[in-house]
Amino acid sequence: MSSSWTFLTNHAHVLFCVSENPDVRTRDIAAQVGITERATQRIIVELEDAGYLRHERVGRRNHYELTEGVPLRHPLETHVVVEDLLDLLHR
């Protein structure tokens, strides 16, 4: 059975990967999500610009940190903060 859609966006998938491993490499995120490294980098920039994520350079790698208390973007979901979604996915 081939699936052409999923319930979560690639942005949510990237956040999930980062929440599981804050030191994850973009190439590993890309492989897990099933997108290119370039798309992963673009999503990370968008998530940082929107305030969901920040990174710090540690040597040659990035260390990511999720920003707490940021609500989801869709009007139906603004009562939910991103950590609530990630907590649900981690169960």
N, C-alpha and C. Protein backbone atom coordinates (compact mmCIF):
# COMPACT_ATOMS: atom_id res chain seq x y z
N MET A 1 0.85 -1.18 0.00
CA MET A 1 0.00 0.00 0.00
C MET A 1 0.89 1.24 0.00
N SER A 2 0.77 2.04 -1.01
CA SER A 2 1.56 3.26 -1.14
C SER A 2 0.75 4.44 -0.62
N SER A 3 1.38 5.26 0.18
CA SER A 3 0.70 6.42 0.74
C SER A 3 1.23 7.68 0.08
N SER A 4 0.32 8.51 -0.42
CA SER A 4 0.74 9.74 -1.07
C SER A 4 0.60 10.95 -0.15
N TRP A 5 0.13 10.74 1.08
CA TRP A 5 0.02 11.86 2.02
C TRP A 5 0.23 11.35 3.43
N THR A 6 0.52 12.29 4.33
CA THR A 6 0.68 11.96 5.75
C THR A 6 -0.08 13.00 6.56
N PHE A 7 -0.29 12.72 7.82
CA PHE A 7 -1.02 13.65 8.68
C PHE A 7 -0.17 14.85 9.09
N LEU A 8 1.13 14.67 9.15
CA LEU A 8 2.02 15.74 9.58
C LEU A 8 2.84 16.28 8.41
N THR A 9 3.20 17.54 8.49
CA THR A 9 4.01 18.17 7.44
C THR A 9 5.48 17.82 7.63
N ASN A 10 6.28 18.12 6.62
CA ASN A 10 7.72 17.93 6.75
C ASN A 10 8.29 18.82 7.85
N HIS A 11 7.68 19.99 8.07
CA HIS A 11 8.13 20.86 9.16
C HIS A 11 7.97 20.15 10.51
N ALA A 12 6.84 19.50 10.69
CA ALA A 12 6.61 18.75 11.93
C ALA A 12 7.58 17.58 12.04
N HIS A 13 7.84 16.92 10.93
CA HIS A 13 8.78 15.80 10.95
C HIS A 13 10.20 16.27 11.33
N VAL A 14 10.61 17.41 10.80
CA VAL A 14 11.93 17.94 11.13
C VAL A 14 11.99 18.30 12.62
N LEU A 15 10.96 18.96 13.13
CA LEU A 15 10.92 19.28 14.56
C LEU A 15 10.98 18.02 15.41
N PHE A 16 10.28 16.99 15.00
CA PHE A 16 10.29 15.73 15.73
C PHE A 16 11.70 15.14 15.77
N CYS A 17 12.39 15.14 14.63
CA CYS A 17 13.76 14.62 14.58
C CYS A 17 14.68 15.40 15.52
N VAL A 18 14.56 16.71 15.49
CA VAL A 18 15.39 17.55 16.34
C VAL A 18 15.06 17.33 17.81
N SER A 19 13.78 17.13 18.12
CA SER A 19 13.39 16.91 19.52
C SER A 19 13.94 15.59 20.05
N GLU A 20 14.09 14.61 19.16
CA GLU A 20 14.66 13.32 19.56
C GLU A 20 16.17 13.38 19.73
N ASN A 21 16.83 14.22 18.93
CA ASN A 21 18.29 14.32 18.98
C ASN A 21 18.71 15.74 18.61
N PRO A 22 18.95 16.60 19.60
CA PRO A 22 19.30 18.00 19.33
C PRO A 22 20.61 18.18 18.55
N ASP A 23 21.42 17.14 18.46
CA ASP A 23 22.69 17.23 17.75
C ASP A 23 22.64 16.52 16.39
N VAL A 24 21.45 16.22 15.92
CA VAL A 24 21.28 15.49 14.67
C VAL A 24 21.81 16.31 13.49
N ARG A 25 22.39 15.62 12.52
CA ARG A 25 22.89 16.28 11.31
C ARG A 25 21.75 16.45 10.31
N THR A 26 21.84 17.50 9.49
CA THR A 26 20.79 17.74 8.50
C THR A 26 20.67 16.56 7.53
N ARG A 27 21.77 15.92 7.21
CA ARG A 27 21.69 14.77 6.30
C ARG A 27 20.91 13.63 6.93
N ASP A 28 21.02 13.47 8.25
CA ASP A 28 20.27 12.42 8.93
C ASP A 28 18.78 12.77 9.02
N ILE A 29 18.49 14.05 9.26
CA ILE A 29 17.08 14.50 9.25
C ILE A 29 16.49 14.23 7.87
N ALA A 30 17.21 14.64 6.84
CA ALA A 30 16.72 14.46 5.47
C ALA A 30 16.41 12.99 5.18
N ALA A 31 17.30 12.12 5.59
CA ALA A 31 17.09 10.69 5.35
C ALA A 31 15.87 10.17 6.11
N GLN A 32 15.70 10.60 7.35
CA GLN A 32 14.56 10.14 8.16
C GLN A 32 13.23 10.67 7.62
N VAL A 33 13.22 11.93 7.21
CA VAL A 33 11.98 12.56 6.73
C VAL A 33 11.69 12.15 5.29
N GLY A 34 12.73 11.85 4.52
CA GLY A 34 12.55 11.48 3.12
C GLY A 34 12.53 12.69 2.19
N ILE A 35 13.35 13.68 2.54
CA ILE A 35 13.46 14.89 1.73
C ILE A 35 14.95 15.16 1.49
N THR A 36 15.25 16.14 0.66
CA THR A 36 16.65 16.47 0.38
C THR A 36 17.26 17.26 1.54
N GLU A 37 18.59 17.28 1.57
CA GLU A 37 19.28 18.09 2.58
C GLU A 37 18.95 19.57 2.40
N ARG A 38 18.86 20.00 1.16
CA ARG A 38 18.53 21.40 0.88
C ARG A 38 17.14 21.76 1.42
N ALA A 39 16.17 20.88 1.22
CA ALA A 39 14.82 21.11 1.76
C ALA A 39 14.86 21.13 3.28
N THR A 40 15.65 20.25 3.88
CA THR A 40 15.80 20.22 5.33
C THR A 40 16.37 21.53 5.83
N GLN A 41 17.41 22.02 5.18
CA GLN A 41 18.02 23.29 5.59
C GLN A 41 17.02 24.44 5.48
N ARG A 42 16.23 24.45 4.40
CA ARG A 42 15.22 25.50 4.22
C ARG A 42 14.17 25.44 5.33
N ILE A 43 13.73 24.25 5.68
CA ILE A 43 12.74 24.08 6.74
C ILE A 43 13.30 24.54 8.07
N ILE A 44 14.56 24.20 8.35
CA ILE A 44 15.19 24.63 9.60
C ILE A 44 15.22 26.15 9.68
N VAL A 45 15.60 26.82 8.59
CA VAL A 45 15.62 28.29 8.55
C VAL A 45 14.21 28.83 8.81
N GLU A 46 13.20 28.24 8.17
CA GLU A 46 11.83 28.70 8.36
C GLU A 46 11.37 28.51 9.80
N LEU A 47 11.73 27.37 10.40
CA LEU A 47 11.36 27.12 11.79
C LEU A 47 12.07 28.09 12.73
N GLU A 48 13.32 28.42 12.43
CA GLU A 48 14.04 29.41 13.23
C GLU A 48 13.43 30.79 13.06
N ASP A 49 13.12 31.17 11.84
CA ASP A 49 12.52 32.48 11.57
C ASP A 49 11.17 32.63 12.27
N ALA A 50 10.42 31.54 12.38
CA ALA A 50 9.11 31.56 13.03
C ALA A 50 9.21 31.43 14.55
N GLY A 51 10.43 31.21 15.07
CA GLY A 51 10.62 31.16 16.52
C GLY A 51 10.44 29.80 17.16
N TYR A 52 10.33 28.74 16.37
CA TYR A 52 10.15 27.40 16.92
C TYR A 52 11.46 26.72 17.31
N LEU A 53 12.55 27.19 16.75
CA LEU A 53 13.82 26.49 16.85
C LEU A 53 14.94 27.51 16.83
N ARG A 54 16.03 27.18 17.51
CA ARG A 54 17.26 27.97 17.39
C ARG A 54 18.42 26.99 17.40
N HIS A 55 19.54 27.46 16.88
CA HIS A 55 20.71 26.57 16.88
C HIS A 55 21.94 27.33 17.34
N GLU A 56 22.88 26.55 17.82
CA GLU A 56 24.18 27.06 18.25
C GLU A 56 25.23 26.20 17.58
N ARG A 57 26.23 26.84 17.05
CA ARG A 57 27.33 26.11 16.42
C ARG A 57 28.24 25.56 17.51
N VAL A 58 28.48 24.27 17.48
CA VAL A 58 29.38 23.60 18.44
C VAL A 58 30.42 22.86 17.61
N GLY A 59 31.59 23.45 17.48
CA GLY A 59 32.62 22.87 16.61
C GLY A 59 32.15 22.95 15.18
N ARG A 60 32.11 21.80 14.52
CA ARG A 60 31.66 21.75 13.13
C ARG A 60 30.19 21.36 13.01
N ARG A 61 29.50 21.21 14.12
CA ARG A 61 28.12 20.73 14.12
C ARG A 61 27.19 21.79 14.70
N ASN A 62 25.91 21.59 14.50
CA ASN A 62 24.89 22.44 15.10
C ASN A 62 24.23 21.69 16.25
N HIS A 63 23.92 22.45 17.29
CA HIS A 63 23.12 21.93 18.39
C HIS A 63 21.82 22.72 18.34
N TYR A 64 20.69 22.01 18.24
CA TYR A 64 19.40 22.64 18.10
C TYR A 64 18.67 22.66 19.44
N GLU A 65 17.87 23.69 19.62
CA GLU A 65 17.06 23.81 20.82
C GLU A 65 15.67 24.29 20.41
N LEU A 66 14.66 23.57 20.88
CA LEU A 66 13.28 23.97 20.62
C LEU A 66 12.92 25.13 21.53
N THR A 67 12.15 26.07 21.01
CA THR A 67 11.68 27.19 21.80
C THR A 67 10.36 26.77 22.45
N GLU A 68 10.27 26.92 23.76
CA GLU A 68 9.08 26.49 24.47
C GLU A 68 7.96 27.53 24.38
N GLY A 69 6.74 27.05 24.41
CA GLY A 69 5.58 27.92 24.50
C GLY A 69 5.09 28.52 23.21
N VAL A 70 5.63 28.10 22.08
CA VAL A 70 5.22 28.66 20.79
C VAL A 70 4.02 27.86 20.28
N PRO A 71 2.90 28.55 20.00
CA PRO A 71 1.71 27.83 19.54
C PRO A 71 1.84 27.36 18.10
N LEU A 72 1.06 26.34 17.77
CA LEU A 72 0.99 25.89 16.38
C LEU A 72 0.38 27.01 15.54
N ARG A 73 0.62 26.99 14.25
CA ARG A 73 0.31 28.13 13.39
C ARG A 73 -1.11 28.19 12.85
N HIS A 74 -1.75 27.07 12.65
CA HIS A 74 -3.08 27.08 12.05
C HIS A 74 -4.11 27.59 13.07
N PRO A 75 -5.07 28.40 12.64
CA PRO A 75 -6.07 28.95 13.57
C PRO A 75 -6.82 27.89 14.39
N LEU A 76 -7.00 26.70 13.85
CA LEU A 76 -7.66 25.64 14.61
C LEU A 76 -6.79 25.07 15.72
N GLU A 77 -5.49 25.35 15.66
CA GLU A 77 -4.54 24.71 16.59
C GLU A 77 -3.78 25.69 17.47
N THR A 78 -4.11 26.96 17.44
CA THR A 78 -3.32 27.95 18.19
C THR A 78 -3.40 27.77 19.70
N HIS A 79 -4.33 26.96 20.17
CA HIS A 79 -4.42 26.69 21.61
C HIS A 79 -3.42 25.60 22.04
N VAL A 80 -2.72 25.03 21.08
CA VAL A 80 -1.75 23.96 21.35
C VAL A 80 -0.34 24.50 21.10
N VAL A 81 0.56 24.27 22.06
CA VAL A 81 1.95 24.65 21.85
C VAL A 81 2.71 23.46 21.27
N VAL A 82 3.79 23.76 20.59
CA VAL A 82 4.51 22.73 19.84
C VAL A 82 4.99 21.59 20.73
N GLU A 83 5.36 21.90 21.99
CA GLU A 83 5.82 20.79 22.84
C GLU A 83 4.71 19.80 23.15
N ASP A 84 3.45 20.27 23.18
CA ASP A 84 2.33 19.34 23.40
C ASP A 84 2.23 18.34 22.25
N LEU A 85 2.39 18.83 21.03
CA LEU A 85 2.36 17.95 19.87
C LEU A 85 3.51 16.95 19.92
N LEU A 86 4.70 17.44 20.22
CA LEU A 86 5.86 16.56 20.28
C LEU A 86 5.75 15.55 21.40
N ASP A 87 5.20 15.96 22.54
CA ASP A 87 4.97 15.01 23.66
C ASP A 87 4.05 13.90 23.21
N LEU A 88 3.00 14.26 22.49
CA LEU A 88 2.06 13.26 21.99
C LEU A 88 2.76 12.29 21.05
N LEU A 89 3.60 12.80 20.18
CA LEU A 89 4.30 11.94 19.22
C LEU A 89 5.34 11.05 19.90
N HIS A 90 5.89 11.49 21.00
CA HIS A 90 6.90 10.71 21.70
C HIS A 90 6.30 9.59 22.55
N ARG A 91 5.00 9.61 22.77
CA ARG A 91 4.37 8.57 23.60
C ARG A 91 4.43 7.22 22.94
